[in-house]
Structure formats: structure tokens, C-alpha cells
Amino acid sequence: MKNLQLRRICEGAIFIAAALALSYLKIPIGLSFGGFGGSIDLVMIPLIFFAIRWGVGWGLGAGLIYGTLKFFFAGGVAVNWQSMLLDYSVAYMMVGLAGLMKNRKWSFVTGGLIGCAGRFAVHFISGITIYAVYMPDEFMNMTMTNTWVYSLLYNITYMLPNTILVVIIGIPITLTLGKYVTGKDLKA
């Protein structure tokens, strides 16, 4: 294709815009536990789609741009600039790791799992470093004495449902749009 670079950039803008629009449709979950945030939403679907279609480098870039825009335009909450970077820019950048599965069988499902794991890891690190001072004495009817346990429990409350959604939605996407997800339509 003659204008492949232009197409990649335009698709990136479209997928980032779709993720940003989907960020307004969410089920807040972290706040109900007395924390700062976390929600169940579909924002990772377009980011994973783009990453698998164009590869890990472009996926990381799209995730970084999306995470930064999400903080500024979709009600981002941060206690300092480090938490803004980790919980938005870097966390969503890690969703781009899904691009490691480009041109592989079941790339959306396996790539989605990798992207979700990458995002979870960043949120977990943020929880044990930045948000450790906000750890309550009790969380989910358990006494909290270890920031690692608190961060794990807190972040799993919204990342596990998000990961399950990615897998459930990824199966029909793989079966029906596999040619487009893997970029095979670009070679035609």
C-alpha cells in the first residue's frame, strides 16, 4: 500500500479516539472500596486491536497518548505527577504490549492478556510505592499490614473484570475480524 504510514497514523488517531469515547462508559469500582479509582470499561479493546494490527512499538505509542489524554480529558485523578505518569500514561502504554502477538493465532486473546498483565503490573507498582501511604487499616474486611497485599487486592478488583471482558470480547473479534486485527487486509 502506497500510503501505509498515513494509514497507520490515521488508524491510531481513530482507535485512540474510540478508546477515549469508551472511557466515559464505565462502571466505577475502586471508589466503592474507599480508594481513589479503578473502573470496569472497554477502553483496552481498541488499544489492543491497534497494537496487534500495527505491532508493539505503535501499540505502546498509542497507549501512551491515550493514557495521557485520558488523564486530562476523562476525569483523571492523581495525587502527584508520578501517579499521573504511572497510573495513566505508563499503565495504558503497557496495553500496547499486546502487539507482541502480531501475526499470531488467537492474537487478540493472548495479546489482550499480555496487555492487561502489563497494565496491572504498573498499577501494582504504583500502589506499593505512591499509594502505600493511603493504605487503610482494613480493606475488604481484612486487616491490612502489607502494602503489596493491599495493592494486589485493590488493583485486582477492577483489572480482573477488565481482563475477563477483553478475553470474552476478544474471542468473537478474533473469529470475525481476524483478517483485520492481524493486518492481513493491508497486504491485499
Protein backbone atom coordinates (compact mmCIF):
# COMPACT_ATOMS: atom_id res chain seq x y z
CA MET A 1 0.00 0.00 0.00
CA LYS A 2 1.37 3.36 -1.04
CA ASN A 3 0.33 5.44 1.98
CA LEU A 4 0.79 2.83 4.70
CA GLN A 5 2.39 5.30 7.12
CA LEU A 6 -0.50 7.75 6.75
CA ARG A 7 -3.00 4.93 7.22
CA ARG A 8 -1.22 3.77 10.41
CA ILE A 9 -1.31 7.29 11.89
CA CYS A 10 -4.97 7.81 10.93
CA GLU A 11 -5.99 4.46 12.36
CA GLY A 12 -4.04 5.26 15.53
CA ALA A 13 -5.97 8.51 15.92
CA ILE A 14 -9.27 6.70 15.32
CA PHE A 15 -8.53 3.91 17.81
CA ILE A 16 -7.30 6.38 20.45
CA ALA A 17 -10.46 8.47 19.94
CA ALA A 18 -12.61 5.32 20.25
CA ALA A 19 -10.85 4.37 23.49
CA LEU A 20 -11.32 7.90 24.83
CA ALA A 21 -15.03 7.82 23.96
CA LEU A 22 -15.38 4.42 25.65
CA SER A 23 -13.71 5.80 28.78
CA TYR A 24 -16.89 7.74 29.50
CA LEU A 25 -18.89 4.48 29.62
CA LYS A 26 -17.64 2.85 32.78
CA ILE A 27 -18.62 1.15 35.98
CA PRO A 28 -16.60 2.78 38.78
CA ILE A 29 -15.41 0.16 41.22
CA GLY A 30 -12.30 1.34 43.06
CA LEU A 31 -14.03 4.27 44.74
CA SER A 32 -16.65 1.98 46.25
CA PHE A 33 -13.85 0.39 48.28
CA GLY A 34 -12.81 3.75 49.68
CA GLY A 35 -9.92 4.11 47.27
CA PHE A 36 -9.00 6.54 44.53
CA GLY A 37 -10.32 4.91 41.42
CA GLY A 38 -10.42 2.00 39.06
CA SER A 39 -13.30 1.07 36.80
CA ILE A 40 -14.62 -1.60 34.50
CA ASP A 41 -14.71 -0.36 30.92
CA LEU A 42 -13.94 -1.27 27.33
CA VAL A 43 -11.09 1.17 26.64
CA MET A 44 -8.48 -1.53 26.17
CA ILE A 45 -10.34 -3.14 23.25
CA PRO A 46 -9.43 -0.51 20.61
CA LEU A 47 -5.91 -0.14 22.04
CA ILE A 48 -5.31 -3.90 21.84
CA PHE A 49 -6.82 -4.03 18.33
CA PHE A 50 -4.45 -1.28 17.16
CA ALA A 51 -1.40 -2.82 18.86
CA ILE A 52 -1.97 -6.24 17.32
CA ARG A 53 -2.65 -4.74 13.92
CA TRP A 54 0.44 -2.50 13.79
CA GLY A 55 2.87 -4.02 16.29
CA VAL A 56 4.26 -3.39 19.73
CA GLY A 57 6.03 -0.08 19.02
CA TRP A 58 2.96 1.59 17.60
CA GLY A 59 0.82 -0.02 20.29
CA LEU A 60 3.00 1.39 23.06
CA GLY A 61 2.81 4.83 21.48
CA ALA A 62 -0.97 4.73 21.13
CA GLY A 63 -1.35 3.59 24.73
CA LEU A 64 0.92 6.39 25.96
CA ILE A 65 -1.04 9.02 24.04
CA TYR A 66 -4.36 7.58 25.16
CA GLY A 67 -3.35 7.40 28.84
CA THR A 68 -2.16 11.00 28.83
CA LEU A 69 -5.33 12.21 27.11
CA LYS A 70 -7.48 10.17 29.49
CA PHE A 71 -5.94 11.91 32.48
CA PHE A 72 -6.56 15.38 31.11
CA PHE A 73 -9.92 14.89 29.36
CA ALA A 74 -11.69 11.99 31.09
CA GLY A 75 -11.55 12.91 34.75
CA GLY A 76 -8.15 11.58 35.74
CA VAL A 77 -7.30 11.54 39.43
CA ALA A 78 -3.74 11.65 40.72
CA VAL A 79 -2.05 12.60 43.99
CA ASN A 80 1.12 13.85 42.29
CA TRP A 81 2.81 13.93 38.90
CA GLN A 82 4.34 10.48 39.47
CA SER A 83 0.94 8.89 39.99
CA MET A 84 -0.34 10.65 36.87
CA LEU A 85 2.51 9.21 34.83
CA LEU A 86 2.28 5.70 36.27
CA ASP A 87 -1.48 5.25 36.51
CA TYR A 88 -2.33 6.82 33.18
CA SER A 89 0.49 7.33 30.67
CA VAL A 90 2.68 4.33 31.52
CA ALA A 91 -0.12 1.95 32.56
CA TYR A 92 -2.00 2.36 29.29
CA MET A 93 1.24 2.33 27.34
CA MET A 94 1.74 -1.22 28.63
CA VAL A 95 -1.52 -2.27 26.95
CA GLY A 96 0.49 -1.85 23.74
CA LEU A 97 2.48 -4.94 24.71
CA ALA A 98 -0.42 -6.78 23.07
CA GLY A 99 1.41 -6.01 19.83
CA LEU A 100 3.91 -8.75 20.72
CA MET A 101 1.26 -11.15 19.41
CA LYS A 102 1.06 -9.57 15.96
CA ASN A 103 0.50 -12.19 13.25
CA ARG A 104 -0.07 -14.99 15.76
CA LYS A 105 -3.01 -17.33 16.15
CA TRP A 106 -5.55 -16.01 18.69
CA SER A 107 -3.53 -12.81 18.81
CA PHE A 108 -6.34 -10.69 20.28
CA VAL A 109 -6.94 -13.01 23.24
CA THR A 110 -3.29 -13.72 24.06
CA GLY A 111 -2.19 -10.18 23.27
CA GLY A 112 -5.03 -8.88 25.40
CA LEU A 113 -3.86 -10.99 28.32
CA ILE A 114 -0.32 -9.67 27.91
CA GLY A 115 -1.52 -6.05 27.65
CA CYS A 116 -3.75 -6.42 30.70
CA ALA A 117 -0.92 -8.00 32.68
CA GLY A 118 1.39 -5.13 31.73
CA ARG A 119 -1.17 -2.54 32.80
CA PHE A 120 -1.84 -4.40 36.06
CA ALA A 121 1.91 -4.53 36.82
CA VAL A 122 2.22 -0.75 36.53
CA HIS A 123 -0.85 -0.14 38.72
CA PHE A 124 0.52 -2.63 41.25
CA ILE A 125 3.88 -0.82 41.37
CA SER A 126 2.08 2.50 41.77
CA GLY A 127 0.09 1.00 44.63
CA ILE A 128 3.11 -0.23 46.56
CA THR A 129 5.12 2.94 46.05
CA ILE A 130 2.95 6.04 45.68
CA TYR A 131 -0.32 4.94 47.26
CA ALA A 132 1.21 2.97 50.14
CA VAL A 133 0.74 5.95 52.47
CA TYR A 134 -3.01 5.80 51.80
CA MET A 135 -3.38 2.13 52.73
CA PRO A 136 -6.33 1.75 55.11
CA ASP A 137 -6.17 -0.32 58.26
CA GLU A 138 -8.92 -2.52 56.86
CA PHE A 139 -9.75 -3.38 53.26
CA MET A 140 -12.34 -5.88 52.02
CA ASN A 141 -12.94 -6.94 55.63
CA MET A 142 -9.25 -7.81 56.06
CA THR A 143 -6.68 -6.11 58.23
CA MET A 144 -4.04 -4.54 56.02
CA THR A 145 -0.43 -4.63 57.17
CA ASN A 146 1.35 -5.22 53.87
CA THR A 147 1.24 -2.70 51.00
CA TRP A 148 1.90 -5.48 48.48
CA VAL A 149 -1.23 -7.34 49.54
CA TYR A 150 -3.28 -4.13 49.58
CA SER A 151 -2.10 -3.11 46.11
CA LEU A 152 -2.75 -6.60 44.75
CA LEU A 153 -6.28 -6.74 46.17
CA TYR A 154 -7.15 -3.19 45.25
CA ASN A 155 -5.95 -3.41 41.66
CA ILE A 156 -7.38 -6.87 41.05
CA THR A 157 -10.89 -5.55 41.87
CA TYR A 158 -11.05 -3.73 38.55
CA MET A 159 -8.26 -5.29 36.46
CA LEU A 160 -9.59 -8.86 36.71
CA PRO A 161 -13.07 -7.90 35.37
CA ASN A 162 -11.42 -5.80 32.65
CA THR A 163 -9.20 -8.72 31.65
CA ILE A 164 -12.17 -11.08 31.55
CA LEU A 165 -14.03 -8.59 29.33
CA VAL A 166 -11.05 -8.39 26.96
CA VAL A 167 -10.95 -12.19 26.63
CA ILE A 168 -14.73 -12.55 26.21
CA ILE A 169 -14.88 -9.78 23.59
CA GLY A 170 -11.60 -10.92 22.02
CA ILE A 171 -12.97 -14.33 21.01
CA PRO A 172 -15.66 -13.06 18.61
CA ILE A 173 -13.33 -10.31 17.38
CA THR A 174 -10.72 -12.94 16.53
CA LEU A 175 -13.28 -15.18 14.82
CA THR A 176 -14.97 -12.44 12.77
CA LEU A 177 -12.34 -9.74 12.27
CA GLY A 178 -9.16 -11.82 12.40
CA LYS A 179 -8.07 -10.66 8.96
CA TYR A 180 -8.24 -7.00 10.05
CA VAL A 181 -6.80 -7.49 13.53
CA THR A 182 -3.69 -9.12 12.15
CA GLY A 183 -3.37 -6.64 9.30
CA LYS A 184 -3.79 -9.23 6.52
CA ASP A 185 -6.10 -6.80 4.72
CA LEU A 186 -3.10 -4.47 4.29
CA LYS A 187 -1.23 -7.00 2.18
CA ALA A 188 -4.03 -7.37 -0.34
